[in-house]
Amino acid sequence: MSSGAKKFDTIFYAHVLEHIEHDLEELKLASSFLTESGKLIVVVPSIPRLYGSVDALSGHYRRFTRSELMSISKMAGYEIESIKYFNPIAIFPYWVMYRFLKVRNVGSGQLGLYDRVLVPIAYRTINLFKGKLPGVNLIAVLRKIKD
């Protein structure tokens, strides 16, 4: 990257990293666009055992464990401010739909129900258990280690 390139205080990856085969290199690249001590916020699918039909059709290379996300983040030069699970109540429905039944798409009706019913409950659950219960996603706040 040229020295005159724009730098950012924060970069946000929402469901991006699982689509990139070489995730460690991507995290390093993102770091090159951050200011000194800039933050990278990453949301990824978690629990590899949930990898199912929709993951494969969506082009996901992986679902992450908490320790895997921590490990590649550290290898890429980040300090971990926090890594929390999101949406523990969706684990069983996700497993039924995409592992057991092998549903091959997500319809707008499913998403609407999810947004109206499960998301508010998920936020309450996260607040109650402080993101420590396993959930279908991980949310990480990473800080670039000063050069």
Protein backbone atom coordinates (compact mmCIF):
# COMPACT_ATOMS: atom_id res chain seq x y z
CA MET A 1 0.00 0.00 0.00
CA SER A 2 1.36 3.44 -0.85
CA SER A 3 2.13 5.82 1.98
CA GLY A 4 -0.48 8.29 0.68
CA ALA A 5 -3.38 5.82 0.83
CA LYS A 6 -6.34 6.68 3.04
CA LYS A 7 -6.33 5.12 6.52
CA PHE A 8 -9.40 4.39 8.62
CA ASP A 9 -10.07 4.37 12.35
CA THR A 10 -12.47 1.45 12.00
CA ILE A 11 -13.18 -1.22 9.40
CA PHE A 12 -16.28 -3.43 9.68
CA TYR A 13 -16.50 -6.92 8.16
CA ALA A 14 -20.04 -8.31 8.42
CA HIS A 15 -20.10 -11.88 7.14
CA VAL A 16 -17.13 -11.40 4.84
CA LEU A 17 -14.23 -13.42 6.27
CA GLU A 18 -15.91 -16.83 5.87
CA HIS A 19 -16.05 -16.20 2.09
CA ILE A 20 -12.29 -15.64 1.81
CA GLU A 21 -10.10 -18.71 1.50
CA HIS A 22 -6.97 -17.02 2.86
CA ASP A 23 -8.50 -15.32 5.89
CA LEU A 24 -5.21 -14.62 7.66
CA GLU A 25 -3.89 -12.68 4.68
CA GLU A 26 -7.17 -10.74 4.50
CA LEU A 27 -6.88 -9.70 8.15
CA LYS A 28 -3.31 -8.54 7.51
CA LEU A 29 -4.47 -6.57 4.46
CA ALA A 30 -7.23 -4.90 6.48
CA SER A 31 -4.61 -3.89 9.06
CA SER A 32 -2.70 -1.99 6.37
CA PHE A 33 -5.74 0.28 5.91
CA LEU A 34 -6.12 1.02 9.63
CA THR A 35 -4.65 3.96 11.47
CA GLU A 36 -2.27 3.21 14.31
CA SER A 37 -4.42 1.47 16.96
CA GLY A 38 -7.37 1.34 14.54
CA LYS A 39 -10.11 -1.23 15.06
CA LEU A 40 -11.40 -4.06 12.93
CA ILE A 41 -14.87 -5.32 13.81
CA VAL A 42 -15.59 -8.78 12.46
CA VAL A 43 -18.84 -10.76 12.40
CA VAL A 44 -18.49 -14.39 11.29
CA PRO A 45 -20.54 -17.58 11.50
CA SER A 46 -19.49 -19.82 14.36
CA ILE A 47 -19.69 -23.47 15.38
CA PRO A 48 -18.15 -25.47 12.52
CA ARG A 49 -20.48 -28.42 13.25
CA LEU A 50 -23.35 -26.23 12.01
CA TYR A 51 -21.79 -25.96 8.53
CA GLY A 52 -24.69 -26.89 6.31
CA SER A 53 -26.44 -26.51 3.00
CA VAL A 54 -26.79 -22.71 3.12
CA ASP A 55 -23.12 -22.28 4.11
CA ALA A 56 -21.97 -24.32 1.12
CA LEU A 57 -24.36 -22.58 -1.29
CA SER A 58 -23.28 -19.18 0.05
CA GLY A 59 -19.63 -19.90 -0.73
CA HIS A 60 -18.47 -20.18 2.88
CA TYR A 61 -15.07 -21.77 3.34
CA ARG A 62 -15.64 -22.20 7.05
CA ARG A 63 -17.49 -21.40 10.23
CA PHE A 64 -15.18 -20.27 13.03
CA THR A 65 -14.58 -21.45 16.55
CA ARG A 66 -13.87 -18.73 19.08
CA SER A 67 -10.29 -20.00 19.49
CA GLU A 68 -9.70 -20.05 15.70
CA LEU A 69 -10.84 -16.46 15.34
CA MET A 70 -8.65 -15.45 18.28
CA SER A 71 -5.66 -17.29 16.83
CA ILE A 72 -5.79 -15.82 13.31
CA SER A 73 -6.49 -12.36 14.74
CA LYS A 74 -3.36 -12.52 16.88
CA MET A 75 -1.29 -13.92 13.99
CA ALA A 76 -2.49 -11.01 11.83
CA GLY A 77 -1.25 -8.48 14.37
CA TYR A 78 -4.35 -7.58 16.39
CA GLU A 79 -5.07 -7.31 20.08
CA ILE A 80 -8.44 -8.75 20.97
CA GLU A 81 -10.68 -6.26 22.73
CA SER A 82 -13.62 -8.66 22.77
CA ILE A 83 -15.03 -11.74 21.08
CA LYS A 84 -18.63 -12.61 21.87
CA TYR A 85 -21.11 -15.11 20.57
CA PHE A 86 -24.33 -13.85 19.06
CA ASN A 87 -27.70 -15.56 18.95
CA PRO A 88 -27.55 -18.78 20.96
CA ILE A 89 -31.27 -19.37 20.45
CA ALA A 90 -30.77 -19.86 16.70
CA ILE A 91 -28.43 -22.87 17.02
CA PHE A 92 -31.13 -25.52 17.10
CA PRO A 93 -33.33 -24.02 14.34
CA TYR A 94 -30.24 -23.50 12.17
CA TRP A 95 -29.13 -27.11 12.69
CA VAL A 96 -32.60 -28.46 11.87
CA MET A 97 -33.02 -26.36 8.73
CA TYR A 98 -29.57 -26.48 7.20
CA ARG A 99 -27.95 -29.66 8.54
CA PHE A 100 -30.90 -32.00 9.08
CA LEU A 101 -33.43 -30.84 6.46
CA LYS A 102 -30.73 -29.42 4.15
CA VAL A 103 -32.88 -26.44 3.12
CA ARG A 104 -31.16 -24.85 0.16
CA ASN A 105 -32.22 -21.20 0.52
CA VAL A 106 -33.42 -18.61 2.98
CA GLY A 107 -36.73 -17.02 2.03
CA SER A 108 -37.87 -13.52 2.90
CA GLY A 109 -40.56 -14.98 5.17
CA GLN A 110 -37.92 -16.79 7.20
CA LEU A 111 -35.83 -13.63 7.46
CA GLY A 112 -38.82 -11.52 8.47
CA LEU A 113 -39.74 -13.95 11.24
CA TYR A 114 -36.12 -14.09 12.33
CA ASP A 115 -35.87 -10.28 12.47
CA ARG A 116 -39.17 -9.78 14.30
CA VAL A 117 -38.97 -12.64 16.80
CA LEU A 118 -35.50 -14.10 17.23
CA VAL A 119 -33.29 -11.00 16.99
CA PRO A 120 -34.91 -9.17 19.95
CA ILE A 121 -34.70 -12.35 22.04
CA ALA A 122 -31.10 -12.85 20.91
CA TYR A 123 -30.12 -9.37 22.13
CA ARG A 124 -31.72 -10.02 25.51
CA THR A 125 -29.89 -13.35 25.75
CA ILE A 126 -26.54 -11.74 24.86
CA ASN A 127 -27.04 -9.08 27.52
CA LEU A 128 -28.07 -11.65 30.11
CA PHE A 129 -25.17 -14.04 29.49
CA LYS A 130 -22.63 -11.42 28.32
CA GLY A 131 -22.03 -13.23 24.99
CA LYS A 132 -20.58 -16.33 26.65
CA LEU A 133 -23.19 -18.84 25.48
CA PRO A 134 -22.30 -20.31 22.09
CA GLY A 135 -24.28 -18.76 19.26
CA VAL A 136 -24.52 -18.99 15.48
CA ASN A 137 -22.19 -15.99 15.04
CA LEU A 138 -19.15 -14.43 16.65
CA ILE A 139 -18.59 -10.69 16.93
CA ALA A 140 -15.00 -9.60 17.45
CA VAL A 141 -13.55 -6.18 18.15
CA LEU A 142 -9.87 -6.22 17.24
CA ARG A 143 -7.36 -3.42 17.72
CA LYS A 144 -4.35 -3.10 15.46
CA ILE A 145 -1.13 -3.51 17.39
CA LYS A 146 0.96 -0.36 16.98
CA ASP A 147 3.71 -0.71 14.38
